């Protein structure tokens, strides 16, 4: 008799604990998938990072990788709804090494940001993420006249 009572109770407790641990799309603010392309100086950006920061100062800041000029963040990794500031970063190896503070005998490769500040720390790029919309954002980044010479030097042109 005791065994017949314990099995259903054990299953009930296990189900309750499982249900409590299962979050999902309802946790936190609603998110949307976003995707698109990034060009710099007329060419697809080989690799980089794109960040969406809510324009209203909200906490849901998300980032995704840019590979071969394309980025895609699925809903569970995507930004919340509304206007966002967009920052785009891309680092390139300089050919130099730096001391590794964590492993002094193993130097690390030096990398420098190749995009001008107008696309990251001083960005005015934007995205307005819509609920259920086609949230495709394409960015064609053009360096300012003064930056074009710096870009040419960095890329060896």
Protein backbone atom coordinates (compact mmCIF):
# COMPACT_ATOMS: atom_id res chain seq x y z
CA UNK A 1 0.00 0.00 0.00
CA UNK A 2 2.77 2.45 0.96
CA UNK A 3 4.60 1.75 -2.31
CA UNK A 4 1.47 2.62 -4.36
CA UNK A 5 1.32 6.04 -2.66
CA UNK A 6 5.04 6.83 -2.98
CA UNK A 7 5.32 6.24 -6.74
CA UNK A 8 2.62 8.77 -7.76
CA UNK A 9 3.97 11.31 -5.26
CA UNK A 10 7.52 10.86 -6.56
CA UNK A 11 6.33 11.36 -10.12
CA UNK A 12 4.34 14.41 -9.08
CA UNK A 13 7.37 15.98 -7.36
CA UNK A 14 9.63 15.17 -10.34
CA UNK A 15 7.14 16.72 -12.78
CA UNK A 16 6.80 19.87 -10.65
CA UNK A 17 10.57 20.33 -10.38
CA UNK A 18 10.97 19.80 -14.12
CA UNK A 19 8.26 22.34 -14.90
CA UNK A 20 9.84 24.91 -12.58
CA UNK A 21 13.21 24.49 -14.30
CA UNK A 22 11.79 24.88 -17.80
CA UNK A 23 11.94 28.45 -18.92
CA UNK A 24 11.62 29.43 -22.51
CA UNK A 25 10.55 32.27 -24.72
CA UNK A 26 8.33 33.67 -21.97
CA UNK A 27 11.37 34.40 -19.77
CA UNK A 28 12.50 38.01 -20.08
CA UNK A 29 11.47 40.49 -22.76
CA UNK A 30 10.24 39.24 -26.14
CA UNK A 31 13.01 38.67 -28.67
CA UNK A 32 13.06 38.52 -32.44
CA UNK A 33 15.41 36.86 -34.91
CA UNK A 34 17.59 39.21 -36.97
CA UNK A 35 19.85 38.65 -39.95
CA UNK A 36 21.59 40.55 -42.69
CA UNK A 37 24.85 41.46 -44.32
CA UNK A 38 27.75 43.79 -43.65
CA UNK A 39 29.96 45.36 -46.29
CA UNK A 40 32.93 47.60 -45.66
CA UNK A 41 34.35 49.76 -48.42
CA UNK A 42 32.22 47.87 -50.96
CA UNK A 43 33.30 44.34 -49.93
CA UNK A 44 31.66 41.80 -47.64
CA UNK A 45 33.25 41.99 -44.20
CA UNK A 46 35.18 38.74 -43.81
CA UNK A 47 34.63 38.42 -40.07
CA UNK A 48 33.52 40.57 -37.21
CA UNK A 49 31.01 41.12 -34.44
CA UNK A 50 27.68 42.96 -34.51
CA UNK A 51 26.06 44.25 -31.31
CA UNK A 52 22.46 45.45 -30.80
CA UNK A 53 21.97 47.79 -27.81
CA UNK A 54 18.45 49.02 -26.95
CA UNK A 55 18.14 52.75 -27.70
CA UNK A 56 16.07 53.20 -24.53
CA UNK A 57 18.96 52.01 -22.35
CA UNK A 58 17.44 48.58 -21.69
CA UNK A 59 19.55 45.70 -20.43
CA UNK A 60 19.11 43.23 -23.31
CA UNK A 61 22.32 43.80 -25.29
CA UNK A 62 23.05 41.01 -27.77
CA UNK A 63 25.93 40.24 -30.13
CA UNK A 64 26.48 37.88 -33.02
CA UNK A 65 29.32 36.84 -35.28
CA UNK A 66 29.73 38.15 -38.80
CA UNK A 67 31.19 35.52 -41.13
CA UNK A 68 31.70 36.08 -44.85
CA UNK A 69 29.67 39.27 -44.58
CA UNK A 70 26.59 37.59 -43.06
CA UNK A 71 25.09 37.54 -39.57
CA UNK A 72 22.09 35.71 -38.15
CA UNK A 73 20.77 35.63 -34.60
CA UNK A 74 17.90 33.21 -33.92
CA UNK A 75 15.00 34.32 -31.74
CA UNK A 76 16.46 32.93 -28.49
CA UNK A 77 19.68 34.94 -29.10
CA UNK A 78 18.09 37.93 -30.84
CA UNK A 79 17.43 41.47 -29.64
CA UNK A 80 14.25 42.75 -28.04
CA UNK A 81 11.68 44.84 -29.86
CA UNK A 82 12.16 48.47 -30.85
CA UNK A 83 15.01 50.76 -31.87
CA UNK A 84 18.61 49.71 -31.26
CA UNK A 85 22.05 51.19 -31.66
CA UNK A 86 24.22 48.89 -33.77
CA UNK A 87 27.98 48.56 -33.31
CA UNK A 88 30.14 46.63 -35.77
CA UNK A 89 33.67 45.48 -34.95
CA UNK A 90 36.32 43.67 -36.96
CA UNK A 91 39.85 42.94 -35.83
CA UNK A 92 42.80 42.01 -38.01
CA UNK A 93 46.12 40.45 -37.05
CA UNK A 94 49.07 42.86 -37.24
CA UNK A 95 51.72 40.16 -37.60
CA UNK A 96 53.15 41.06 -34.20
CA UNK A 97 52.92 39.19 -30.91
CA UNK A 98 52.35 40.42 -27.38
CA UNK A 99 53.27 38.91 -24.02
CA UNK A 100 50.53 36.68 -22.68
CA UNK A 101 49.72 37.76 -19.10
CA UNK A 102 48.15 34.34 -18.38
CA UNK A 103 50.96 32.27 -19.93
CA UNK A 104 54.26 34.22 -20.21
CA UNK A 105 55.91 31.52 -22.35
CA UNK A 106 53.13 31.59 -24.94
CA UNK A 107 52.80 35.01 -26.65
CA UNK A 108 49.49 36.05 -28.18
CA UNK A 109 48.81 37.50 -31.60
CA UNK A 110 48.27 41.28 -31.67
CA UNK A 111 45.06 42.38 -33.37
CA UNK A 112 43.84 45.87 -34.24
CA UNK A 113 40.37 47.18 -35.02
CA UNK A 114 40.10 47.80 -38.76
CA UNK A 115 36.77 49.64 -38.79
CA UNK A 116 36.66 53.36 -38.05
CA UNK A 117 35.06 54.45 -34.73
CA UNK A 118 31.98 55.76 -36.60
CA UNK A 119 30.85 52.11 -36.88
CA UNK A 120 31.50 51.02 -33.27
CA UNK A 121 32.45 53.27 -30.33
CA UNK A 122 30.91 56.32 -32.05
CA UNK A 123 28.26 54.42 -33.98
CA UNK A 124 25.12 56.01 -35.35
CA UNK A 125 24.05 52.79 -37.03
CA UNK A 126 20.55 51.70 -36.09
CA UNK A 127 18.04 48.87 -36.36
CA UNK A 128 14.34 48.98 -35.51
CA UNK A 129 13.39 45.42 -34.55
CA UNK A 130 9.73 44.66 -35.31
CA UNK A 131 7.55 41.97 -33.77
CA UNK A 132 7.03 39.18 -36.28
CA UNK A 133 8.58 41.27 -39.03
CA UNK A 134 11.29 40.49 -41.54
CA UNK A 135 14.11 41.83 -39.41
CA UNK A 136 16.75 41.94 -42.13
CA UNK A 137 19.40 44.61 -41.69
CA UNK A 138 22.07 45.23 -44.34
CA UNK A 139 24.92 47.61 -43.58
CA UNK A 140 27.12 49.07 -46.31
CA UNK A 141 29.85 50.82 -44.33
CA UNK A 142 31.82 53.50 -46.13
CA UNK A 143 34.86 55.09 -44.49
CA UNK A 144 34.93 58.88 -44.26
CA UNK A 145 37.36 60.58 -46.66
CA UNK A 146 40.04 60.89 -43.95
CA UNK A 147 39.60 57.26 -42.93
CA UNK A 148 39.99 55.89 -46.47
CA UNK A 149 43.76 56.41 -46.44
CA UNK A 150 44.07 54.65 -43.05
CA UNK A 151 42.02 51.71 -44.34
CA UNK A 152 44.21 51.45 -47.44
CA UNK A 153 47.35 51.35 -45.29
CA UNK A 154 45.91 48.67 -42.98
CA UNK A 155 44.86 46.44 -45.85
CA UNK A 156 48.11 46.91 -47.76
CA UNK A 157 46.50 48.68 -50.72
